Amino acid sequence: MKLLTKTTLYFVTITLFVFFLGGIGLYIIMQNLVEKEVNNELYDRIHFVLNEVYHANTLKNVNFIASEPIEIEKVKKPLQPPTFQMQDTVLFNTVQHFYSPYRRLSTVVKSKDGNYYRIRIYKSLIASNTLIEKVALVTTLMLLLFLLLAYFLNRYIFGKIWADFFDTLHKIQEFSLSNPQKEAFSSSELIEFDELNQVLNKMIDKIINDYEGIKEFTGNLSHEVQTPLAIIKNKTDLLFQESLNEEQFKLTGSIYSATNRLSEIVRSLGLIARIDKNQFTDLASIDMESIINEQLENFQSLIESKKIKMTVNFEKGYALIMDKNLAEILINNLIKNAVRHNVEGGFINITVTGKSLLISNSGENPGVPTDELFEQFSRASKDGFMGIGLAIVRKITEHYGMKISYEYEDFKHEFVIIFP
């Protein structure tokens, strides 16, 4: 969730809660005020009627106050002392043919001639209810207008205040170690953002320096280690020519295999360092079909020994521009991975289209997250194979702006490279 969305959500939630409570409070207050006003008017009118009936012993002036319905009827002497009774009711409007809400005040009064009269005075609540409805409508419209104004104002203020932050975030997103360049974070009027930019400047400087140091160390290491490794291999070859018993022969073979493995890793590290330093600049139009066929011939004996079924499809008309040596390394590592991690009697499918290369093979689940398969020295199989080959594949694809993806489903590994 974006920061603006989250702050707006909090703001709207709190505002609606406050307005909801305020609306309830306003409704209660207005209801009480209207009710009090209606009651006062009813009491004034009924006291006037009582005065006319008691003192004048006549109802001739009742019409003076009869703008609202009024009922006066002669009754027997009540058993209890008369009291005022207030209640809400409805009356049928014979003109408009609907029931209208009224408040009624009733009591019993004794005239001078000793007769008793029940007086009922009504007050229409339509006007008061309409007033409350209009106030509620105006309040709701004001709330909506306030929320709309606050939303756009919040976006405007948010954009102004956080502009420096988003500029910094954009520069961080653009930063890449494949092309490390120092980013000049601009100064900000806000102290917090300015301190953030200063810290990021120092951090990126340190990252670039450390990365360059690691690349130089890796390149030097891969170069320097080759000589002692070559000596070990030569000495091991000499040992094979001596008279060795079975145990000594196994130990010597283990040394030779480990040396070859270490030599391969060192060469791979050196290759990654050279790619990072952009030392492969000989661009040419690559014939992907010939490279794939050549690499398949190199693995033909291993493919036949595992009884792997090969299917290769090519689509003409697309020329890939890249360094030929890197193209061969790319295809070699992918095919080697497909053969090595295959099963007895499995399959390998290779499809080259105008925009992509797809290599799929049968095999067991690697048992590691997809992203880790492309990391250097990740264990991608039960036999402890160190996945530096796929790290080289990803490094080459990134170097030329290609996109690589991997999926495993239904006992099938699938690598897809999208050409730029």
Protein backbone atom coordinates (compact mmCIF):
# COMPACT_ATOMS: atom_id res chain seq x y z
CA MET A 1 0.00 0.00 0.00
CA LYS A 2 1.34 3.42 -0.94
CA LEU A 3 2.11 5.96 1.77
CA LEU A 4 -0.38 8.47 0.36
CA THR A 5 -3.12 5.83 0.26
CA LYS A 6 -2.44 4.76 3.84
CA THR A 7 -2.38 8.32 5.24
CA THR A 8 -5.54 9.19 3.29
CA LEU A 9 -7.24 6.05 4.58
CA TYR A 10 -6.39 6.95 8.17
CA PHE A 11 -7.53 10.53 7.63
CA VAL A 12 -10.85 9.54 6.03
CA THR A 13 -11.52 6.90 8.69
CA ILE A 14 -10.92 9.32 11.57
CA THR A 15 -12.90 12.08 9.82
CA LEU A 16 -15.88 9.81 9.18
CA PHE A 17 -15.79 8.60 12.79
CA VAL A 18 -15.70 12.17 14.13
CA PHE A 19 -18.47 13.30 11.79
CA PHE A 20 -20.55 10.23 12.66
CA LEU A 21 -20.35 10.97 16.37
CA GLY A 22 -20.86 14.68 15.71
CA GLY A 23 -23.87 13.93 13.50
CA ILE A 24 -25.47 11.80 16.19
CA GLY A 25 -24.84 14.51 18.76
CA LEU A 26 -26.20 17.23 16.46
CA TYR A 27 -29.31 15.18 15.71
CA ILE A 28 -29.99 14.62 19.42
CA ILE A 29 -29.50 18.30 20.22
CA MET A 30 -31.75 19.46 17.38
CA GLN A 31 -34.39 16.86 18.28
CA ASN A 32 -34.42 18.11 21.86
CA LEU A 33 -34.58 21.76 20.81
CA VAL A 34 -37.44 21.13 18.37
CA GLU A 35 -39.28 19.00 20.91
CA LYS A 36 -38.89 21.69 23.56
CA GLU A 37 -40.12 24.38 21.16
CA VAL A 38 -43.17 22.32 20.15
CA ASN A 39 -44.00 21.52 23.77
CA ASN A 40 -43.77 25.18 24.80
CA GLU A 41 -46.08 26.19 21.96
CA LEU A 42 -48.62 23.50 22.92
CA TYR A 43 -48.58 24.56 26.58
CA ASP A 44 -49.10 28.21 25.62
CA ARG A 45 -52.06 27.33 23.42
CA ILE A 46 -53.72 25.00 25.90
CA HIS A 47 -53.38 27.53 28.71
CA PHE A 48 -55.11 30.10 26.53
CA VAL A 49 -57.96 27.65 25.87
CA LEU A 50 -58.20 26.77 29.57
CA ASN A 51 -58.42 30.42 30.46
CA GLU A 52 -61.23 31.00 27.92
CA VAL A 53 -63.20 28.00 29.08
CA TYR A 54 -62.78 28.66 32.81
CA HIS A 55 -63.14 32.43 33.01
CA ALA A 56 -65.31 33.33 30.03
CA ASN A 57 -67.32 30.11 30.02
CA THR A 58 -67.27 30.31 26.21
CA LEU A 59 -65.30 28.90 23.28
CA LYS A 60 -65.82 31.85 20.93
CA ASN A 61 -62.13 32.86 20.99
CA VAL A 62 -60.84 29.37 20.44
CA ASN A 63 -60.78 29.94 16.70
CA PHE A 64 -58.13 32.56 17.34
CA ILE A 65 -55.66 29.83 18.14
CA ALA A 66 -57.12 27.10 15.96
CA SER A 67 -54.49 27.25 13.18
CA GLU A 68 -53.73 23.65 14.20
CA PRO A 69 -56.30 20.92 14.96
CA ILE A 70 -58.06 21.23 18.35
CA GLU A 71 -60.66 18.98 19.97
CA ILE A 72 -62.99 20.02 22.84
CA GLU A 73 -65.61 17.64 24.15
CA LYS A 74 -67.82 17.58 27.22
CA VAL A 75 -67.01 14.72 29.60
CA LYS A 76 -68.02 13.44 33.02
CA LYS A 77 -66.20 14.41 36.15
CA PRO A 78 -62.84 12.58 36.15
CA LEU A 79 -62.03 10.23 38.99
CA GLN A 80 -58.45 11.52 39.27
CA PRO A 81 -57.28 15.13 39.36
CA PRO A 82 -56.72 16.29 35.74
CA THR A 83 -53.13 16.32 34.43
CA PHE A 84 -51.41 17.27 31.20
CA GLN A 85 -50.64 14.35 28.86
CA MET A 86 -48.19 14.75 25.98
CA GLN A 87 -47.83 12.12 23.25
CA ASP A 88 -47.01 11.69 19.55
CA THR A 89 -49.68 10.52 17.12
CA VAL A 90 -50.77 10.72 13.50
CA LEU A 91 -53.78 12.35 11.86
CA PHE A 92 -55.24 11.62 8.46
CA ASN A 93 -55.08 14.55 6.04
CA THR A 94 -58.38 14.46 4.16
CA VAL A 95 -57.11 16.89 1.51
CA GLN A 96 -53.83 15.22 0.60
CA HIS A 97 -54.93 11.73 1.72
CA PHE A 98 -52.02 10.67 3.87
CA TYR A 99 -51.19 10.42 7.58
CA SER A 100 -49.13 13.22 9.09
CA PRO A 101 -47.15 13.15 12.36
CA TYR A 102 -48.49 15.34 15.20
CA ARG A 103 -47.78 15.98 18.86
CA ARG A 104 -50.83 16.09 21.10
CA LEU A 105 -51.34 17.77 24.48
CA SER A 106 -54.52 16.91 26.36
CA THR A 107 -56.12 17.67 29.72
CA VAL A 108 -59.54 18.09 31.41
CA VAL A 109 -60.79 21.49 32.60
CA LYS A 110 -63.83 22.57 34.68
CA SER A 111 -65.85 25.60 33.57
CA LYS A 112 -67.68 28.09 35.84
CA ASP A 113 -71.00 26.37 35.26
CA GLY A 114 -69.55 23.13 36.68
CA ASN A 115 -69.16 21.26 33.38
CA TYR A 116 -66.03 19.33 32.49
CA TYR A 117 -64.35 19.50 29.09
CA ARG A 118 -61.53 17.39 27.61
CA ILE A 119 -59.26 19.56 25.48
CA ARG A 120 -56.82 18.09 22.92
CA ILE A 121 -54.46 20.41 21.06
CA TYR A 122 -52.30 19.18 18.16
CA LYS A 123 -49.09 20.50 16.66
CA SER A 124 -47.82 19.26 13.30
CA LEU A 125 -44.30 17.82 13.31
CA ILE A 126 -43.85 17.99 9.53
CA ALA A 127 -42.08 21.33 9.62
CA SER A 128 -39.74 20.29 12.45
CA ASN A 129 -38.95 16.95 10.82
CA THR A 130 -38.33 18.70 7.52
CA LEU A 131 -35.99 21.10 9.28
CA ILE A 132 -34.03 18.22 10.81
CA GLU A 133 -33.83 16.44 7.44
CA LYS A 134 -32.55 19.58 5.73
CA VAL A 135 -29.94 20.14 8.42
CA ALA A 136 -28.84 16.49 8.09
CA LEU A 137 -28.66 16.86 4.30
CA VAL A 138 -26.64 20.06 4.53
CA THR A 139 -24.33 18.44 7.08
CA THR A 140 -23.81 15.40 4.83
CA LEU A 141 -23.08 17.60 1.81
CA MET A 142 -20.60 19.61 3.87
CA LEU A 143 -18.94 16.36 4.95
CA LEU A 144 -18.61 15.15 1.36
CA LEU A 145 -17.32 18.53 0.24
CA PHE A 146 -14.85 18.58 3.11
CA LEU A 147 -13.60 15.06 2.33
CA LEU A 148 -13.24 15.89 -1.37
CA LEU A 149 -11.39 19.11 -0.63
CA ALA A 150 -9.21 17.39 1.99
CA TYR A 151 -8.39 14.56 -0.46
CA PHE A 152 -7.11 16.85 -3.22
CA LEU A 153 -5.43 19.16 -0.73
CA ASN A 154 -3.74 16.19 0.92
CA ARG A 155 -2.47 14.94 -2.47
CA TYR A 156 -1.15 18.39 -3.34
CA ILE A 157 0.59 18.86 0.00
CA PHE A 158 1.85 15.26 -0.06
CA GLY A 159 3.35 15.78 -3.51
CA LYS A 160 5.08 18.97 -2.43
CA ILE A 161 6.46 17.62 0.84
CA TRP A 162 7.51 14.17 -0.41
CA ALA A 163 8.88 15.27 -3.81
CA ASP A 164 12.48 15.06 -2.58
CA PHE A 165 11.87 11.62 -1.09
CA PHE A 166 10.44 10.22 -4.33
CA ASP A 167 13.32 11.73 -6.30
CA THR A 168 15.73 9.93 -4.00
CA LEU A 169 13.73 6.70 -4.27
CA HIS A 170 13.80 6.89 -8.09
CA LYS A 171 17.58 7.30 -8.11
CA ILE A 172 17.99 4.34 -5.75
CA GLN A 173 15.82 2.19 -8.02
CA GLU A 174 17.94 3.15 -11.03
CA PHE A 175 21.18 2.24 -9.24
CA SER A 176 22.75 -1.01 -10.40
CA LEU A 177 26.07 -2.68 -9.67
CA SER A 178 26.23 -3.87 -13.27
CA ASN A 179 26.89 -0.22 -14.15
CA PRO A 180 27.85 1.42 -10.85
CA GLN A 181 27.75 5.20 -10.97
CA LYS A 182 27.70 7.63 -8.12
CA GLU A 183 24.28 9.22 -7.73
CA ALA A 184 24.17 12.88 -6.73
CA PHE A 185 21.25 13.15 -4.33
CA SER A 186 20.00 16.72 -4.27
CA SER A 187 19.73 18.66 -1.03
CA SER A 188 16.31 19.12 0.56
CA GLU A 189 14.68 21.86 2.59
CA LEU A 190 13.51 19.19 5.04
CA ILE A 191 16.20 18.22 7.51
CA GLU A 192 15.18 14.54 7.65
CA PHE A 193 15.30 14.09 3.86
CA ASP A 194 18.57 15.98 3.61
CA GLU A 195 20.15 13.73 6.24
CA LEU A 196 18.80 10.69 4.37
CA ASN A 197 20.42 11.87 1.11
CA GLN A 198 23.75 12.44 2.85
CA VAL A 199 23.71 8.96 4.35
CA LEU A 200 22.79 7.43 0.98
CA ASN A 201 25.63 9.28 -0.74
CA LYS A 202 28.12 7.83 1.72
CA MET A 203 26.57 4.36 1.51
CA ILE A 204 26.67 4.25 -2.31
CA ASP A 205 30.28 5.46 -2.35
CA LYS A 206 31.18 2.64 0.01
CA ILE A 207 29.21 0.07 -2.02
CA ILE A 208 30.93 1.08 -5.26
CA ASN A 209 34.39 1.04 -3.67
CA ASP A 210 33.77 -2.34 -2.03
CA TYR A 211 32.37 -3.78 -5.25
CA GLU A 212 35.30 -2.59 -7.32
CA GLY A 213 37.65 -4.03 -4.71
CA ILE A 214 35.89 -7.40 -4.80
CA LYS A 215 35.98 -7.50 -8.60
CA GLU A 216 39.69 -6.71 -8.62
CA PHE A 217 40.36 -9.29 -5.92
CA THR A 218 38.36 -11.95 -7.78
CA GLY A 219 40.15 -11.25 -11.02
CA ASN A 220 43.57 -11.34 -9.37
CA LEU A 221 42.68 -14.48 -7.43
CA SER A 222 41.48 -16.36 -10.48
CA HIS A 223 44.65 -15.42 -12.32
CA GLU A 224 47.08 -16.23 -9.52
CA VAL A 225 45.46 -19.52 -8.51
CA GLN A 226 45.66 -20.99 -12.00
CA THR A 227 49.42 -21.54 -11.76
CA PRO A 228 49.46 -23.59 -8.52
CA LEU A 229 46.43 -25.53 -9.75
CA ALA A 230 48.27 -26.37 -12.96
CA ILE A 231 51.26 -27.58 -10.93
CA ILE A 232 49.01 -29.78 -8.77
CA LYS A 233 47.42 -31.29 -11.86
CA ASN A 234 50.81 -31.99 -13.43
CA LYS A 235 52.14 -33.59 -10.24
CA THR A 236 48.99 -35.70 -10.05
CA ASP A 237 49.52 -36.84 -13.64
CA LEU A 238 53.05 -37.92 -12.65
CA LEU A 239 51.66 -39.87 -9.70
CA PHE A 240 49.36 -41.79 -12.04
CA GLN A 241 52.45 -42.99 -13.91
CA GLU A 242 53.92 -44.49 -10.75
CA SER A 243 53.15 -47.90 -9.35
CA LEU A 244 50.21 -47.23 -7.01
CA ASN A 245 48.13 -49.64 -5.05
CA GLU A 246 44.33 -49.43 -5.21
CA GLU A 247 43.92 -47.13 -2.21
CA GLN A 248 46.66 -44.76 -3.40
CA PHE A 249 45.11 -44.68 -6.88
CA LYS A 250 41.71 -43.67 -5.42
CA LEU A 251 43.28 -40.92 -3.32
CA THR A 252 45.21 -39.58 -6.30
CA GLY A 253 42.04 -39.66 -8.41
CA SER A 254 40.18 -37.68 -5.74
CA ILE A 255 42.94 -35.07 -5.72
CA TYR A 256 42.82 -34.82 -9.51
CA SER A 257 39.01 -34.47 -9.57
CA ALA A 258 38.99 -31.84 -6.82
CA THR A 259 41.73 -29.90 -8.62
CA ASN A 260 39.77 -29.93 -11.87
CA ARG A 261 36.68 -28.81 -10.01
CA LEU A 262 38.53 -25.98 -8.30
CA SER A 263 40.12 -24.96 -11.59
CA GLU A 264 36.66 -24.78 -13.19
CA ILE A 265 35.33 -22.63 -10.35
CA VAL A 266 38.30 -20.27 -10.56
CA ARG A 267 37.85 -19.89 -14.32
CA SER A 268 34.16 -19.19 -13.79
CA LEU A 269 34.90 -16.52 -11.19
CA GLY A 270 37.41 -14.96 -13.54
CA LEU A 271 34.81 -15.01 -16.31
CA ILE A 272 32.25 -13.24 -14.10
CA ALA A 273 34.84 -10.60 -13.18
CA ARG A 274 35.65 -10.04 -16.86
CA ILE A 275 31.96 -9.65 -17.69
CA ASP A 276 31.57 -7.12 -14.88
CA LYS A 277 34.53 -5.18 -16.26
CA ASN A 278 32.93 -5.23 -19.74
CA GLN A 279 35.96 -6.87 -21.34
CA PHE A 280 33.88 -8.75 -23.93
CA THR A 281 33.39 -6.10 -26.61
CA ASP A 282 33.68 -8.12 -29.84
CA LEU A 283 30.08 -8.05 -31.06
CA ALA A 284 28.99 -10.26 -33.92
CA SER A 285 25.86 -11.79 -35.42
CA ILE A 286 25.43 -15.15 -33.70
CA ASP A 287 24.21 -18.25 -35.49
CA MET A 288 22.39 -19.85 -32.57
CA GLU A 289 21.68 -23.06 -34.47
CA SER A 290 25.35 -23.84 -35.16
CA ILE A 291 26.38 -23.05 -31.57
CA ILE A 292 23.66 -25.29 -30.11
CA ASN A 293 24.53 -28.16 -32.46
CA GLU A 294 28.21 -27.81 -31.62
CA GLN A 295 27.57 -27.89 -27.88
CA LEU A 296 25.24 -30.88 -28.23
CA GLU A 297 28.04 -32.79 -29.96
CA ASN A 298 30.28 -32.13 -26.95
CA PHE A 299 27.71 -33.76 -24.66
CA GLN A 300 26.65 -36.49 -27.10
CA SER A 301 28.33 -39.34 -25.23
CA LEU A 302 26.79 -38.32 -21.92
CA ILE A 303 23.37 -37.89 -23.56
CA GLU A 304 23.58 -41.37 -25.05
CA SER A 305 24.76 -42.92 -21.80
CA LYS A 306 21.69 -41.50 -19.99
CA LYS A 307 19.42 -42.45 -22.94
CA ILE A 308 18.08 -38.89 -23.10
CA LYS A 309 15.66 -38.07 -25.92
CA MET A 310 16.64 -34.84 -27.73
CA THR A 311 14.22 -32.51 -29.54
CA VAL A 312 15.58 -29.37 -31.21
CA ASN A 313 13.52 -26.78 -33.15
CA PHE A 314 14.88 -23.65 -34.84
CA GLU A 315 13.15 -20.63 -36.31
CA LYS A 316 15.04 -18.70 -38.95
CA GLY A 317 15.21 -14.98 -39.45
CA TYR A 318 16.58 -13.61 -36.16
CA ALA A 319 20.18 -12.57 -35.58
CA LEU A 320 21.41 -12.20 -32.01
CA ILE A 321 24.20 -9.64 -31.58
CA MET A 322 26.67 -10.50 -28.81
CA ASP A 323 30.19 -11.76 -28.15
CA LYS A 324 30.62 -15.22 -29.67
CA ASN A 325 32.61 -16.58 -26.73
CA LEU A 326 29.90 -15.53 -24.28
CA ALA A 327 27.22 -17.02 -26.55
CA GLU A 328 29.06 -20.36 -26.50
CA ILE A 329 29.49 -20.20 -22.71
CA LEU A 330 25.79 -19.36 -22.31
CA ILE A 331 24.60 -22.32 -24.40
CA ASN A 332 27.22 -24.66 -22.93
CA ASN A 333 26.16 -23.98 -19.35
CA LEU A 334 22.45 -24.36 -20.11
CA ILE A 335 22.92 -27.66 -21.98
CA LYS A 336 25.35 -28.96 -19.36
CA ASN A 337 22.81 -28.12 -16.64
CA ALA A 338 20.02 -29.87 -18.59
CA VAL A 339 22.12 -33.02 -19.09
CA ARG A 340 23.68 -33.19 -15.64
CA HIS A 341 20.40 -32.77 -13.77
CA ASN A 342 18.43 -35.10 -16.03
CA VAL A 343 17.30 -38.63 -15.28
CA GLU A 344 17.83 -41.95 -16.98
CA GLY A 345 15.59 -42.09 -20.07
CA GLY A 346 14.56 -38.45 -19.74
CA PHE A 347 14.22 -35.74 -22.34
CA ILE A 348 15.64 -32.38 -23.39
CA ASN A 349 13.67 -29.96 -25.58
CA ILE A 350 15.39 -26.93 -27.16
CA THR A 351 13.34 -24.34 -29.07
CA VAL A 352 14.75 -21.18 -30.65
CA THR A 353 12.25 -18.62 -31.90
CA GLY A 354 12.66 -15.12 -33.22
CA LYS A 355 12.61 -13.65 -29.74
CA SER A 356 13.41 -16.39 -27.26
CA LEU A 357 15.36 -19.50 -26.35
CA LEU A 358 13.58 -22.27 -24.43
CA ILE A 359 15.37 -25.23 -22.87
CA SER A 360 13.35 -27.77 -20.89
CA ASN A 361 14.41 -31.09 -19.42
CA SER A 362 13.09 -33.80 -17.18
CA GLY A 363 14.45 -34.00 -13.65
CA GLU A 364 13.74 -34.02 -9.96
CA ASN A 365 12.65 -30.99 -7.98
CA PRO A 366 15.72 -28.85 -7.16
CA GLY A 367 14.37 -28.28 -3.65
CA VAL A 368 15.56 -24.66 -3.47
CA PRO A 369 13.83 -21.35 -4.26
CA THR A 370 14.01 -20.24 -7.88
CA ASP A 371 16.09 -17.15 -7.18
CA GLU A 372 18.76 -19.17 -5.38
CA LEU A 373 19.43 -21.28 -8.49
CA PHE A 374 21.08 -18.27 -10.11
CA GLU A 375 23.21 -17.40 -7.08
CA GLN A 376 26.89 -18.25 -7.02
CA PHE A 377 27.69 -21.49 -5.18
CA SER A 378 24.06 -22.38 -4.47
CA ARG A 379 23.46 -26.10 -4.02
CA ALA A 380 21.04 -27.08 -6.76
CA SER A 381 21.06 -30.85 -6.42
CA LYS A 382 21.46 -33.67 -3.93
CA ASP A 383 25.00 -34.41 -5.10
CA GLY A 384 26.16 -30.97 -3.93
CA PHE A 385 26.64 -29.43 -7.36
CA MET A 386 27.68 -25.79 -6.96
CA GLY A 387 25.45 -23.66 -9.15
CA ILE A 388 28.03 -21.22 -10.49
CA GLY A 389 27.13 -22.16 -14.06
CA LEU A 390 23.67 -20.65 -13.76
CA ALA A 391 25.16 -17.59 -12.08
CA ILE A 392 27.26 -17.10 -15.22
CA VAL A 393 24.16 -17.58 -17.38
CA ARG A 394 22.31 -14.86 -15.50
CA LYS A 395 25.34 -12.56 -15.62
CA ILE A 396 25.56 -12.93 -19.42
CA THR A 397 21.84 -12.36 -19.94
CA GLU A 398 21.88 -9.26 -17.74
CA HIS A 399 24.95 -7.98 -19.59
CA TYR A 400 23.09 -8.01 -22.91
CA GLY A 401 19.70 -6.90 -21.57
CA MET A 402 18.04 -10.31 -21.88
CA LYS A 403 15.47 -11.67 -19.44
CA ILE A 404 15.76 -15.17 -18.03
CA SER A 405 13.12 -17.10 -16.10
CA TYR A 406 12.89 -20.58 -14.59
CA GLU A 407 9.95 -22.80 -13.70
CA TYR A 408 9.58 -26.33 -12.39
CA GLU A 409 6.32 -28.19 -12.82
CA ASP A 410 5.28 -31.80 -13.37
CA PHE A 411 8.82 -33.21 -13.23
CA LYS A 412 10.05 -30.68 -15.82
CA HIS A 413 12.64 -27.89 -15.57
CA GLU A 414 12.16 -25.01 -17.99
CA PHE A 415 14.51 -22.10 -18.71
CA VAL A 416 13.31 -19.29 -20.98
CA ILE A 417 15.56 -16.48 -22.26
CA ILE A 418 13.87 -13.51 -23.89
CA PHE A 419 16.15 -11.73 -26.36
CA PRO A 420 16.29 -7.91 -26.33
